């Protein structure tokens, strides 16, 4: 089993997928150090969700490795960066390190398919996803350019919704762990329907944890 040692940025609700981008504002000193070290090295950072809000929380087992594609160093030491997703991984173990940020040994063996373009969605699933997205966005009061949405390819649409939808942490984790975009799209439809039916509609306290 070939493992990759990477710094990890635990951030609840922030999903990165292969070929997707994730903009991040880095302000904590330990993560400023992480970005500086990554930029001086292989540019890689692993995104993973924490299980709780503790100072050193447990981590969900699956995340995504990203490469820093753009960066802006601010005068006060903060950074704005954009990660480009490369591949998902499963945490093999957390490394014992002296750095102020955490590092993991990432096992990518279960996610070799992430290197390939995904199979397209079934026409009916694409239609269901777009229809439920409209209902969900309306319930949240989002202004959406649906013409632009219709022009997105399946992967960009599915992963884009997964990134921006305000689902709970457990639901977000189910999305990153879905084996392919068809399963992920099906989960999205279910989650949006479920949240709309909760008391308070899409703004209600829905949780699937």
N, C-alpha and C. Protein backbone atom coordinates (compact mmCIF):
# COMPACT_ATOMS: atom_id res chain seq x y z
N UNK A 1 0.85 -1.19 0.00
CA UNK A 1 0.00 0.00 0.00
C UNK A 1 0.89 1.24 0.00
N UNK A 2 0.75 2.07 -1.00
CA UNK A 2 1.54 3.29 -1.12
C UNK A 2 0.78 4.45 -0.47
N UNK A 3 1.43 5.08 0.51
CA UNK A 3 0.80 6.18 1.24
C UNK A 3 1.49 7.50 0.90
N UNK A 4 0.73 8.57 1.01
CA UNK A 4 1.25 9.90 0.73
C UNK A 4 1.10 10.75 1.98
N UNK A 5 2.21 11.30 2.47
CA UNK A 5 2.18 12.19 3.63
C UNK A 5 1.77 13.60 3.18
N UNK A 6 0.68 14.10 3.74
CA UNK A 6 0.18 15.42 3.35
C UNK A 6 -0.31 16.18 4.59
N UNK A 7 -0.17 17.52 4.57
CA UNK A 7 -0.79 18.32 5.62
C UNK A 7 -2.30 18.30 5.47
N UNK A 8 -3.00 18.37 6.59
CA UNK A 8 -4.46 18.27 6.54
C UNK A 8 -5.09 19.53 7.11
N UNK A 9 -6.12 20.00 6.42
CA UNK A 9 -6.88 21.18 6.86
C UNK A 9 -8.28 20.71 7.22
N UNK A 10 -8.59 20.50 8.50
CA UNK A 10 -9.94 20.08 8.88
C UNK A 10 -10.89 21.28 8.85
N UNK A 11 -11.93 21.18 8.04
CA UNK A 11 -12.87 22.29 7.92
C UNK A 11 -14.27 21.74 7.64
N UNK A 12 -15.16 21.91 8.59
CA UNK A 12 -16.52 21.37 8.46
C UNK A 12 -17.26 22.05 7.32
N UNK A 13 -17.93 21.23 6.52
CA UNK A 13 -18.76 21.74 5.44
C UNK A 13 -18.03 22.09 4.17
N UNK A 14 -16.71 22.05 4.19
CA UNK A 14 -15.92 22.43 3.00
C UNK A 14 -15.51 21.17 2.25
N UNK A 15 -16.16 20.91 1.13
CA UNK A 15 -15.86 19.73 0.33
C UNK A 15 -15.03 20.10 -0.89
N UNK A 16 -14.04 19.27 -1.16
CA UNK A 16 -13.25 19.37 -2.38
C UNK A 16 -13.40 18.06 -3.13
N UNK A 17 -13.57 18.15 -4.44
CA UNK A 17 -13.71 16.97 -5.29
C UNK A 17 -12.66 17.01 -6.40
N UNK A 18 -12.30 15.85 -6.96
CA UNK A 18 -11.40 15.86 -8.10
C UNK A 18 -11.92 16.76 -9.22
N UNK A 19 -11.02 17.59 -9.74
CA UNK A 19 -11.29 18.53 -10.84
C UNK A 19 -12.16 19.72 -10.42
N UNK A 20 -12.55 19.79 -9.16
CA UNK A 20 -13.29 20.95 -8.66
C UNK A 20 -12.33 21.90 -7.96
N UNK A 21 -12.76 23.14 -7.76
CA UNK A 21 -11.94 24.13 -7.08
C UNK A 21 -12.60 24.54 -5.77
N UNK A 22 -11.75 24.93 -4.82
CA UNK A 22 -12.23 25.37 -3.51
C UNK A 22 -11.42 26.59 -3.07
N UNK A 23 -12.04 27.77 -3.04
CA UNK A 23 -11.33 28.95 -2.53
C UNK A 23 -11.33 28.96 -1.00
N UNK A 24 -10.22 29.35 -0.42
CA UNK A 24 -10.08 29.35 1.04
C UNK A 24 -9.38 30.62 1.50
N UNK A 25 -9.83 31.15 2.61
CA UNK A 25 -9.17 32.27 3.27
C UNK A 25 -8.46 31.72 4.50
N UNK A 26 -7.16 31.84 4.55
CA UNK A 26 -6.35 31.22 5.60
C UNK A 26 -5.90 32.31 6.58
N UNK A 27 -6.36 32.21 7.83
CA UNK A 27 -6.03 33.26 8.79
C UNK A 27 -5.41 32.74 10.09
N UNK A 28 -5.68 31.48 10.47
CA UNK A 28 -5.08 30.96 11.69
C UNK A 28 -3.58 30.77 11.50
N UNK A 29 -2.75 31.13 12.51
CA UNK A 29 -1.30 31.01 12.36
C UNK A 29 -0.83 29.62 11.94
N UNK A 30 -1.43 28.56 12.51
CA UNK A 30 -0.96 27.21 12.17
C UNK A 30 -1.23 26.88 10.71
N UNK A 31 -2.33 27.39 10.17
CA UNK A 31 -2.64 27.09 8.77
C UNK A 31 -1.93 28.05 7.81
N UNK A 32 -1.54 29.22 8.31
CA UNK A 32 -0.64 30.06 7.51
C UNK A 32 0.68 29.32 7.31
N UNK A 33 1.18 28.71 8.40
CA UNK A 33 2.42 27.93 8.30
C UNK A 33 2.24 26.76 7.34
N UNK A 34 1.09 26.12 7.39
CA UNK A 34 0.80 25.01 6.48
C UNK A 34 0.88 25.45 5.03
N UNK A 35 0.27 26.59 4.71
CA UNK A 35 0.28 27.08 3.34
C UNK A 35 1.69 27.45 2.91
N UNK A 36 2.44 28.12 3.79
CA UNK A 36 3.82 28.47 3.44
C UNK A 36 4.64 27.22 3.14
N UNK A 37 4.50 26.21 3.99
CA UNK A 37 5.26 24.97 3.78
C UNK A 37 4.81 24.26 2.51
N UNK A 38 3.51 24.23 2.26
CA UNK A 38 3.01 23.57 1.05
C UNK A 38 3.51 24.28 -0.20
N UNK A 39 3.50 25.61 -0.19
CA UNK A 39 3.95 26.36 -1.36
C UNK A 39 5.44 26.20 -1.59
N UNK A 40 6.19 25.93 -0.54
CA UNK A 40 7.62 25.69 -0.69
C UNK A 40 7.92 24.26 -1.11
N UNK A 41 6.89 23.41 -1.07
CA UNK A 41 7.07 22.01 -1.40
C UNK A 41 6.25 21.58 -2.60
N UNK A 42 5.39 20.58 -2.39
CA UNK A 42 4.65 20.00 -3.52
C UNK A 42 3.29 20.63 -3.75
N UNK A 43 2.96 21.69 -3.01
CA UNK A 43 1.71 22.45 -3.18
C UNK A 43 0.46 21.69 -2.74
N UNK A 44 0.61 20.57 -2.05
CA UNK A 44 -0.53 19.72 -1.73
C UNK A 44 -1.07 19.99 -0.33
N UNK A 45 -2.39 20.00 -0.21
CA UNK A 45 -3.09 20.10 1.06
C UNK A 45 -4.28 19.15 1.02
N UNK A 46 -4.50 18.42 2.09
CA UNK A 46 -5.64 17.51 2.17
C UNK A 46 -6.79 18.18 2.91
N UNK A 47 -7.96 18.18 2.30
CA UNK A 47 -9.17 18.70 2.95
C UNK A 47 -9.96 17.53 3.52
N UNK A 48 -10.36 17.67 4.78
CA UNK A 48 -11.16 16.63 5.43
C UNK A 48 -12.04 17.31 6.47
N UNK A 49 -13.19 16.74 6.72
CA UNK A 49 -14.10 17.31 7.70
C UNK A 49 -13.77 16.81 9.11
N UNK A 50 -13.83 17.69 10.11
CA UNK A 50 -13.68 17.25 11.50
C UNK A 50 -14.99 16.65 12.00
N UNK A 51 -14.89 15.75 12.94
CA UNK A 51 -16.09 15.13 13.51
C UNK A 51 -16.75 16.00 14.58
N UNK A 52 -16.00 16.94 15.13
CA UNK A 52 -16.53 17.79 16.20
C UNK A 52 -15.78 19.11 16.17
N UNK A 53 -16.07 19.97 17.14
CA UNK A 53 -15.50 21.32 17.16
C UNK A 53 -14.38 21.48 18.18
N UNK A 54 -13.79 20.39 18.60
CA UNK A 54 -12.69 20.46 19.57
C UNK A 54 -11.45 21.07 18.92
N UNK A 55 -10.47 21.45 19.79
CA UNK A 55 -9.23 22.04 19.27
C UNK A 55 -8.48 21.05 18.39
N UNK A 56 -8.47 19.78 18.78
CA UNK A 56 -7.88 18.73 17.94
C UNK A 56 -8.95 17.67 17.72
N UNK A 57 -9.86 17.93 16.80
CA UNK A 57 -11.02 17.04 16.62
C UNK A 57 -10.64 15.73 15.95
N UNK A 58 -11.49 14.73 16.14
CA UNK A 58 -11.39 13.55 15.31
C UNK A 58 -11.70 13.91 13.88
N UNK A 59 -11.21 13.12 12.95
CA UNK A 59 -11.38 13.41 11.53
C UNK A 59 -12.22 12.32 10.87
N UNK A 60 -13.08 12.73 9.95
CA UNK A 60 -13.76 11.74 9.12
C UNK A 60 -12.72 11.01 8.28
N UNK A 61 -12.99 9.76 7.89
CA UNK A 61 -11.94 8.95 7.27
C UNK A 61 -11.61 9.29 5.83
N UNK A 62 -12.52 9.96 5.11
CA UNK A 62 -12.33 10.21 3.68
C UNK A 62 -12.34 11.71 3.40
N UNK A 63 -11.38 12.15 2.61
CA UNK A 63 -11.31 13.54 2.17
C UNK A 63 -10.76 13.61 0.76
N UNK A 64 -10.24 14.78 0.39
CA UNK A 64 -9.72 14.96 -0.97
C UNK A 64 -8.44 15.79 -0.91
N UNK A 65 -7.45 15.37 -1.67
CA UNK A 65 -6.19 16.10 -1.78
C UNK A 65 -6.32 17.15 -2.87
N UNK A 66 -5.86 18.36 -2.57
CA UNK A 66 -5.88 19.44 -3.55
C UNK A 66 -4.50 20.03 -3.75
N UNK A 67 -4.31 20.63 -4.90
CA UNK A 67 -3.07 21.36 -5.20
C UNK A 67 -3.37 22.85 -5.22
N UNK A 68 -2.49 23.64 -4.65
CA UNK A 68 -2.67 25.09 -4.66
C UNK A 68 -2.48 25.59 -6.09
N UNK A 69 -3.56 26.06 -6.70
CA UNK A 69 -3.52 26.54 -8.07
C UNK A 69 -3.37 28.05 -8.15
N UNK A 70 -3.78 28.75 -7.11
CA UNK A 70 -3.65 30.20 -7.06
C UNK A 70 -3.49 30.61 -5.61
N UNK A 71 -2.72 31.67 -5.39
CA UNK A 71 -2.51 32.12 -4.01
C UNK A 71 -2.28 33.62 -4.00
N UNK A 72 -2.69 34.23 -2.91
CA UNK A 72 -2.46 35.65 -2.67
C UNK A 72 -2.02 35.81 -1.23
N UNK A 73 -0.80 36.30 -1.03
CA UNK A 73 -0.29 36.55 0.30
C UNK A 73 -0.65 37.97 0.71
N UNK A 74 -1.35 38.12 1.81
CA UNK A 74 -1.77 39.43 2.29
C UNK A 74 -0.72 40.02 3.23
N UNK A 75 -0.77 41.33 3.40
CA UNK A 75 0.28 42.02 4.15
C UNK A 75 0.37 41.57 5.60
N UNK A 76 -0.73 41.13 6.17
CA UNK A 76 -0.73 40.74 7.59
C UNK A 76 -0.43 39.26 7.80
N UNK A 77 -0.03 38.56 6.74
CA UNK A 77 0.34 37.15 6.88
C UNK A 77 -0.75 36.17 6.50
N UNK A 78 -1.97 36.66 6.28
CA UNK A 78 -3.04 35.78 5.84
C UNK A 78 -2.85 35.42 4.36
N UNK A 79 -3.58 34.40 3.92
CA UNK A 79 -3.53 33.97 2.52
C UNK A 79 -4.94 33.78 1.98
N UNK A 80 -5.10 34.08 0.72
CA UNK A 80 -6.23 33.60 -0.07
C UNK A 80 -5.67 32.58 -1.05
N UNK A 81 -6.23 31.38 -1.04
CA UNK A 81 -5.75 30.35 -1.96
C UNK A 81 -6.92 29.68 -2.66
N UNK A 82 -6.62 29.04 -3.77
CA UNK A 82 -7.60 28.20 -4.47
C UNK A 82 -6.98 26.82 -4.63
N UNK A 83 -7.68 25.81 -4.12
CA UNK A 83 -7.25 24.42 -4.30
C UNK A 83 -7.96 23.80 -5.49
N UNK A 84 -7.21 23.03 -6.26
CA UNK A 84 -7.77 22.22 -7.35
C UNK A 84 -7.75 20.77 -6.89
N UNK A 85 -8.92 20.12 -6.86
CA UNK A 85 -9.00 18.75 -6.37
C UNK A 85 -8.30 17.76 -7.27
N UNK A 86 -7.57 16.83 -6.67
CA UNK A 86 -6.83 15.81 -7.42
C UNK A 86 -7.44 14.43 -7.24
N UNK A 87 -7.49 13.96 -6.01
CA UNK A 87 -8.00 12.61 -5.75
C UNK A 87 -8.49 12.51 -4.31
N UNK A 88 -9.50 11.69 -4.11
CA UNK A 88 -9.93 11.40 -2.75
C UNK A 88 -8.96 10.42 -2.09
N UNK A 89 -9.09 10.28 -0.80
CA UNK A 89 -8.21 9.40 -0.04
C UNK A 89 -8.93 8.91 1.20
N UNK A 90 -8.38 7.87 1.77
CA UNK A 90 -8.79 7.40 3.10
C UNK A 90 -7.60 7.57 4.03
N UNK A 91 -7.86 8.09 5.22
CA UNK A 91 -6.77 8.28 6.17
C UNK A 91 -6.28 6.93 6.67
N UNK A 92 -5.01 6.63 6.41
CA UNK A 92 -4.41 5.40 6.92
C UNK A 92 -4.01 5.59 8.38
N UNK A 93 -3.45 6.75 8.67
CA UNK A 93 -3.05 7.08 10.05
C UNK A 93 -2.69 8.56 10.10
N UNK A 94 -2.75 9.10 11.30
CA UNK A 94 -2.26 10.46 11.50
C UNK A 94 -0.80 10.40 11.90
N UNK A 95 0.00 11.24 11.27
CA UNK A 95 1.44 11.23 11.51
C UNK A 95 1.79 11.99 12.78
N UNK A 96 2.83 11.53 13.46
CA UNK A 96 3.37 12.25 14.61
C UNK A 96 4.41 13.23 14.09
N UNK A 97 4.08 14.52 14.15
CA UNK A 97 4.93 15.54 13.54
C UNK A 97 5.12 16.70 14.52
N UNK A 98 6.12 17.52 14.24
CA UNK A 98 6.42 18.69 15.06
C UNK A 98 5.78 19.96 14.51
N UNK A 99 5.18 19.89 13.34
CA UNK A 99 4.58 21.08 12.74
C UNK A 99 3.35 21.51 13.55
N UNK A 100 3.01 22.81 13.51
CA UNK A 100 1.83 23.27 14.25
C UNK A 100 0.52 22.77 13.67
N UNK A 101 0.55 22.31 12.44
CA UNK A 101 -0.63 21.75 11.77
C UNK A 101 -0.49 20.23 11.71
N UNK A 102 -1.61 19.56 11.55
CA UNK A 102 -1.62 18.11 11.53
C UNK A 102 -1.27 17.57 10.14
N UNK A 103 -0.73 16.36 10.11
CA UNK A 103 -0.41 15.69 8.85
C UNK A 103 -0.92 14.25 8.92
N UNK A 104 -1.25 13.74 7.75
CA UNK A 104 -1.77 12.37 7.67
C UNK A 104 -1.02 11.59 6.61
N UNK A 105 -1.12 10.28 6.70
CA UNK A 105 -0.69 9.40 5.62
C UNK A 105 -1.95 8.97 4.89
N UNK A 106 -2.05 9.41 3.64
CA UNK A 106 -3.27 9.22 2.85
C UNK A 106 -3.14 8.00 1.95
N UNK A 107 -4.15 7.16 1.99
CA UNK A 107 -4.23 5.96 1.13
C UNK A 107 -5.21 6.25 0.00
N UNK A 108 -4.70 6.31 -1.23
CA UNK A 108 -5.53 6.66 -2.40
C UNK A 108 -5.99 5.43 -3.18
N UNK A 109 -5.66 4.23 -2.70
CA UNK A 109 -5.85 3.03 -3.50
C UNK A 109 -7.31 2.74 -3.83
N UNK A 110 -8.24 3.16 -2.98
CA UNK A 110 -9.67 2.88 -3.24
C UNK A 110 -10.29 3.88 -4.21
N UNK A 111 -9.51 4.89 -4.62
CA UNK A 111 -10.09 5.97 -5.41
C UNK A 111 -9.35 6.20 -6.73
N UNK A 112 -8.83 5.13 -7.31
CA UNK A 112 -8.11 5.26 -8.58
C UNK A 112 -9.01 5.77 -9.70
N UNK A 113 -10.31 5.51 -9.60
CA UNK A 113 -11.24 5.98 -10.63
C UNK A 113 -11.35 7.50 -10.65
N UNK A 114 -10.90 8.17 -9.58
CA UNK A 114 -10.95 9.63 -9.55
C UNK A 114 -10.08 10.26 -10.63
N UNK A 115 -9.12 9.49 -11.15
CA UNK A 115 -8.24 10.00 -12.20
C UNK A 115 -8.95 10.11 -13.54
N UNK A 116 -10.07 9.43 -13.70
CA UNK A 116 -10.77 9.35 -14.98
C UNK A 116 -12.00 10.25 -15.00
N UNK A 117 -12.39 10.68 -16.19
CA UNK A 117 -13.64 11.42 -16.34
C UNK A 117 -14.80 10.50 -15.97
N UNK A 118 -15.78 11.00 -15.23
CA UNK A 118 -16.88 10.13 -14.80
C UNK A 118 -17.85 9.81 -15.93
N UNK A 119 -18.59 8.73 -15.75
CA UNK A 119 -19.66 8.40 -16.67
C UNK A 119 -20.77 9.44 -16.56
N UNK A 120 -21.42 9.79 -17.67
CA UNK A 120 -22.49 10.80 -17.60
C UNK A 120 -23.68 10.28 -16.80
N UNK A 121 -24.44 11.22 -16.24
CA UNK A 121 -25.66 10.86 -15.53
C UNK A 121 -26.72 10.37 -16.51
N UNK A 122 -27.59 9.50 -16.03
CA UNK A 122 -28.77 9.15 -16.81
C UNK A 122 -29.60 10.41 -17.03
N UNK A 123 -30.22 10.51 -18.20
CA UNK A 123 -30.99 11.72 -18.53
C UNK A 123 -32.05 12.01 -17.48
N UNK A 124 -32.70 10.96 -16.99
CA UNK A 124 -33.76 11.16 -15.99
C UNK A 124 -33.20 11.67 -14.67
N UNK A 125 -32.01 11.20 -14.28
CA UNK A 125 -31.39 11.66 -13.03
C UNK A 125 -30.95 13.10 -13.16
N UNK A 126 -30.39 13.47 -14.30
CA UNK A 126 -30.01 14.86 -14.53
C UNK A 126 -31.24 15.77 -14.42
N UNK A 127 -32.35 15.34 -15.02
CA UNK A 127 -33.58 16.13 -14.97
C UNK A 127 -34.09 16.25 -13.54
N UNK A 128 -34.07 15.15 -12.80
CA UNK A 128 -34.52 15.18 -11.40
C UNK A 128 -33.65 16.13 -10.57
N UNK A 129 -32.34 16.08 -10.82
CA UNK A 129 -31.42 16.92 -10.06
C UNK A 129 -31.66 18.40 -10.34
N UNK A 130 -31.83 18.74 -11.60
CA UNK A 130 -32.08 20.15 -11.94
C UNK A 130 -33.42 20.61 -11.37
N UNK A 131 -34.43 19.76 -11.46
CA UNK A 131 -35.75 20.14 -10.95
C UNK A 131 -35.72 20.35 -9.44
N UNK A 132 -35.11 19.41 -8.73
CA UNK A 132 -35.06 19.54 -7.27
C UNK A 132 -34.17 20.70 -6.85
N UNK A 133 -33.13 20.99 -7.63
CA UNK A 133 -32.26 22.13 -7.32
C UNK A 133 -33.04 23.44 -7.42
N UNK A 134 -33.91 23.54 -8.42
CA UNK A 134 -34.74 24.75 -8.56
C UNK A 134 -35.65 24.92 -7.34
N UNK A 135 -36.29 23.84 -6.94
CA UNK A 135 -37.19 23.91 -5.78
C UNK A 135 -36.42 24.28 -4.51
N UNK A 136 -35.28 23.69 -4.36
CA UNK A 136 -34.46 23.93 -3.17
C UNK A 136 -33.95 25.37 -3.14
N UNK A 137 -33.45 25.84 -4.28
CA UNK A 137 -32.95 27.22 -4.36
C UNK A 137 -34.07 28.22 -4.11
N UNK A 138 -35.25 27.94 -4.65
CA UNK A 138 -36.40 28.82 -4.41
C UNK A 138 -36.75 28.87 -2.92
N UNK A 139 -36.70 27.70 -2.27
CA UNK A 139 -37.03 27.64 -0.85
C UNK A 139 -36.03 28.42 0.00
N UNK A 140 -34.77 28.45 -0.46
CA UNK A 140 -33.73 29.18 0.27
C UNK A 140 -33.65 30.64 -0.13
N UNK A 141 -34.37 31.01 -1.19
CA UNK A 141 -34.31 32.39 -1.67
C UNK A 141 -33.05 32.70 -2.45
N UNK A 142 -32.41 31.69 -3.05
CA UNK A 142 -31.20 31.90 -3.84
C UNK A 142 -31.57 32.43 -5.22
N UNK A 143 -30.78 33.37 -5.72
CA UNK A 143 -30.91 33.83 -7.11
C UNK A 143 -29.92 33.03 -7.95
N UNK A 144 -30.41 32.29 -8.92
CA UNK A 144 -29.58 31.36 -9.70
C UNK A 144 -29.77 31.63 -11.18
N UNK A 145 -28.67 31.64 -11.92
CA UNK A 145 -28.72 31.73 -13.38
C UNK A 145 -28.92 30.31 -13.92
N UNK A 146 -30.17 29.93 -14.13
CA UNK A 146 -30.46 28.55 -14.51
C UNK A 146 -30.01 28.24 -15.92
N UNK A 147 -29.87 29.25 -16.76
CA UNK A 147 -29.31 29.02 -18.09
C UNK A 147 -27.87 28.56 -18.00
N UNK A 148 -27.10 29.20 -17.10
CA UNK A 148 -25.72 28.78 -16.90
C UNK A 148 -25.65 27.40 -16.27
N UNK A 149 -26.56 27.11 -15.36
CA UNK A 149 -26.59 25.79 -14.72
C UNK A 149 -26.82 24.71 -15.76
N UNK A 150 -27.73 24.95 -16.69
CA UNK A 150 -28.05 23.95 -17.71
C UNK A 150 -26.85 23.64 -18.61
N UNK A 151 -25.91 24.58 -18.70
CA UNK A 151 -24.74 24.38 -19.57
C UNK A 151 -23.60 23.65 -18.86
N UNK A 152 -23.71 23.47 -17.55
CA UNK A 152 -22.67 22.76 -16.82
C UNK A 152 -22.66 21.29 -17.18
N UNK A 153 -21.46 20.70 -17.23
CA UNK A 153 -21.44 19.25 -17.43
C UNK A 153 -21.87 18.58 -16.12
N UNK A 154 -22.14 17.29 -16.20
CA UNK A 154 -22.71 16.58 -15.05
C UNK A 154 -21.82 16.68 -13.81
N UNK A 155 -20.53 16.49 -13.99
CA UNK A 155 -19.62 16.49 -12.84
C UNK A 155 -19.59 17.86 -12.17
N UNK A 156 -19.51 18.92 -12.95
CA UNK A 156 -19.48 20.27 -12.38
C UNK A 156 -20.78 20.59 -11.66
N UNK A 157 -21.91 20.15 -12.23
CA UNK A 157 -23.20 20.41 -11.60
C UNK A 157 -23.32 19.68 -10.27
N UNK A 158 -23.06 18.39 -10.29
CA UNK A 158 -23.22 17.58 -9.08
C UNK A 158 -22.29 18.06 -7.97
N UNK A 159 -21.01 18.21 -8.30
CA UNK A 159 -20.05 18.59 -7.27
C UNK A 159 -20.24 20.04 -6.82
N UNK A 160 -20.67 20.90 -7.73
CA UNK A 160 -20.93 22.28 -7.35
C UNK A 160 -22.06 22.39 -6.35
N UNK A 161 -23.15 21.64 -6.58
CA UNK A 161 -24.26 21.65 -5.62
C UNK A 161 -23.80 21.07 -4.28
N UNK A 162 -23.04 19.98 -4.33
CA UNK A 162 -22.56 19.36 -3.10
C UNK A 162 -21.71 20.33 -2.29
N UNK A 163 -20.95 21.18 -2.97
CA UNK A 163 -20.09 22.13 -2.26
C UNK A 163 -20.88 23.26 -1.60
N UNK A 164 -21.88 23.79 -2.30
CA UNK A 164 -22.52 25.02 -1.80
C UNK A 164 -23.78 24.77 -0.97
N UNK A 165 -24.40 23.62 -1.11
CA UNK A 165 -25.65 23.37 -0.37
C UNK A 165 -25.36 23.33 1.14
N UNK A 166 -26.20 23.97 1.95
CA UNK A 166 -25.95 24.06 3.40
C UNK A 166 -26.43 22.83 4.16
N UNK A 167 -25.92 21.67 3.79
CA UNK A 167 -26.28 20.44 4.49
C UNK A 167 -25.44 20.30 5.76
N UNK A 168 -25.89 19.41 6.65
CA UNK A 168 -25.12 19.13 7.85
C UNK A 168 -23.87 18.33 7.51
N UNK A 169 -22.98 18.22 8.49
CA UNK A 169 -21.67 17.60 8.26
C UNK A 169 -21.79 16.14 7.83
N UNK A 170 -22.72 15.40 8.46
CA UNK A 170 -22.89 14.00 8.09
C UNK A 170 -23.34 13.82 6.66
N UNK A 171 -24.25 14.69 6.21
CA UNK A 171 -24.71 14.63 4.82
C UNK A 171 -23.59 14.97 3.86
N UNK A 172 -22.81 16.00 4.22
CA UNK A 172 -21.67 16.38 3.38
C UNK A 172 -20.69 15.21 3.25
N UNK A 173 -20.47 14.51 4.37
CA UNK A 173 -19.53 13.39 4.32
C UNK A 173 -20.04 12.27 3.44
N UNK A 174 -21.34 12.02 3.48
CA UNK A 174 -21.91 11.00 2.59
C UNK A 174 -21.67 11.37 1.13
N UNK A 175 -21.70 12.65 0.82
CA UNK A 175 -21.49 13.10 -0.56
C UNK A 175 -20.05 12.88 -1.01
N UNK A 176 -19.09 13.19 -0.15
CA UNK A 176 -17.69 13.01 -0.55
C UNK A 176 -17.35 11.52 -0.65
N UNK A 177 -18.04 10.68 0.12
CA UNK A 177 -17.75 9.25 0.09
C UNK A 177 -18.54 8.50 -0.97
N UNK A 178 -19.49 9.14 -1.63
CA UNK A 178 -20.27 8.47 -2.68
C UNK A 178 -19.32 7.93 -3.75
N UNK A 179 -19.53 6.71 -4.22
CA UNK A 179 -18.57 6.09 -5.13
C UNK A 179 -18.43 6.77 -6.48
N UNK A 180 -19.48 7.43 -6.96
CA UNK A 180 -19.42 8.09 -8.26
C UNK A 180 -20.45 9.21 -8.30
N UNK A 181 -20.46 9.97 -9.40
CA UNK A 181 -21.35 11.14 -9.43
C UNK A 181 -22.82 10.75 -9.54
N UNK A 182 -23.11 9.57 -10.07
CA UNK A 182 -24.51 9.14 -10.13
C UNK A 182 -25.05 8.91 -8.72
N UNK A 183 -24.28 8.20 -7.90
CA UNK A 183 -24.69 8.00 -6.51
C UNK A 183 -24.77 9.34 -5.77
N UNK A 184 -23.81 10.22 -6.05
CA UNK A 184 -23.80 11.54 -5.40
C UNK A 184 -25.01 12.36 -5.81
N UNK A 185 -25.36 12.32 -7.09
CA UNK A 185 -26.54 13.05 -7.57
C UNK A 185 -27.81 12.52 -6.93
N UNK A 186 -27.91 11.21 -6.80
CA UNK A 186 -29.08 10.61 -6.17
C UNK A 186 -29.19 11.05 -4.71
N UNK A 187 -28.06 11.08 -4.01
CA UNK A 187 -28.06 11.56 -2.62
C UNK A 187 -28.49 13.02 -2.55
N UNK A 188 -28.00 13.83 -3.48
CA UNK A 188 -28.36 15.25 -3.48
C UNK A 188 -29.87 15.43 -3.61
N UNK A 189 -30.47 14.69 -4.53
CA UNK A 189 -31.92 14.78 -4.71
C UNK A 189 -32.63 14.41 -3.40
N UNK A 190 -32.19 13.32 -2.77
CA UNK A 190 -32.81 12.90 -1.51
C UNK A 190 -32.63 13.95 -0.41
N UNK A 191 -31.41 14.48 -0.29
CA UNK A 191 -31.13 15.45 0.78
C UNK A 191 -31.95 16.72 0.59
N UNK A 192 -32.04 17.21 -0.65
CA UNK A 192 -32.80 18.43 -0.89
C UNK A 192 -34.28 18.22 -0.63
N UNK A 193 -34.80 17.07 -1.05
CA UNK A 193 -36.21 16.77 -0.77
C UNK A 193 -36.45 16.67 0.73
N UNK A 194 -35.58 15.97 1.42
CA UNK A 194 -35.70 15.78 2.86
C UNK A 194 -35.69 17.12 3.59
N UNK A 195 -34.76 17.99 3.23
CA UNK A 195 -34.64 19.25 3.94
C UNK A 195 -35.83 20.17 3.66
N UNK A 196 -36.34 20.11 2.44
CA UNK A 196 -37.52 20.94 2.13
C UNK A 196 -38.75 20.51 2.93
N UNK A 197 -38.81 19.22 3.28
CA UNK A 197 -39.98 18.71 4.00
C UNK A 197 -39.88 18.89 5.50
N UNK A 198 -38.72 19.31 5.98
CA UNK A 198 -38.56 19.52 7.42
C UNK A 198 -39.32 20.75 7.88
N UNK A 199 -39.68 20.84 9.17
CA UNK A 199 -40.30 22.06 9.69
C UNK A 199 -39.40 23.26 9.41
N UNK A 200 -39.99 24.30 8.84
CA UNK A 200 -39.19 25.46 8.47
C UNK A 200 -38.66 25.37 7.06
N UNK A 201 -38.97 24.27 6.35
CA UNK A 201 -38.53 24.14 4.96
C UNK A 201 -37.03 23.98 4.88
N UNK A 202 -36.44 24.52 3.80
CA UNK A 202 -35.00 24.37 3.59
C UNK A 202 -34.18 25.08 4.65
N UNK A 203 -34.80 26.02 5.39
CA UNK A 203 -34.10 26.70 6.47
C UNK A 203 -34.21 25.97 7.79
N UNK A 204 -34.94 24.86 7.80
CA UNK A 204 -35.14 24.13 9.04
C UNK A 204 -33.90 23.37 9.47
N UNK A 205 -33.91 22.85 10.71
CA UNK A 205 -32.73 22.20 11.28
C UNK A 205 -32.60 20.75 10.82
N UNK A 206 -32.51 20.55 9.51
CA UNK A 206 -32.42 19.18 9.01
C UNK A 206 -31.06 18.58 9.34
N UNK A 207 -31.06 17.32 9.72
CA UNK A 207 -29.80 16.62 9.95
C UNK A 207 -29.97 15.17 9.56
N UNK A 208 -28.96 14.65 8.90
CA UNK A 208 -28.98 13.23 8.52
C UNK A 208 -27.85 12.49 9.20
N UNK A 209 -27.29 13.08 10.25
CA UNK A 209 -26.19 12.41 10.93
C UNK A 209 -26.72 11.23 11.76
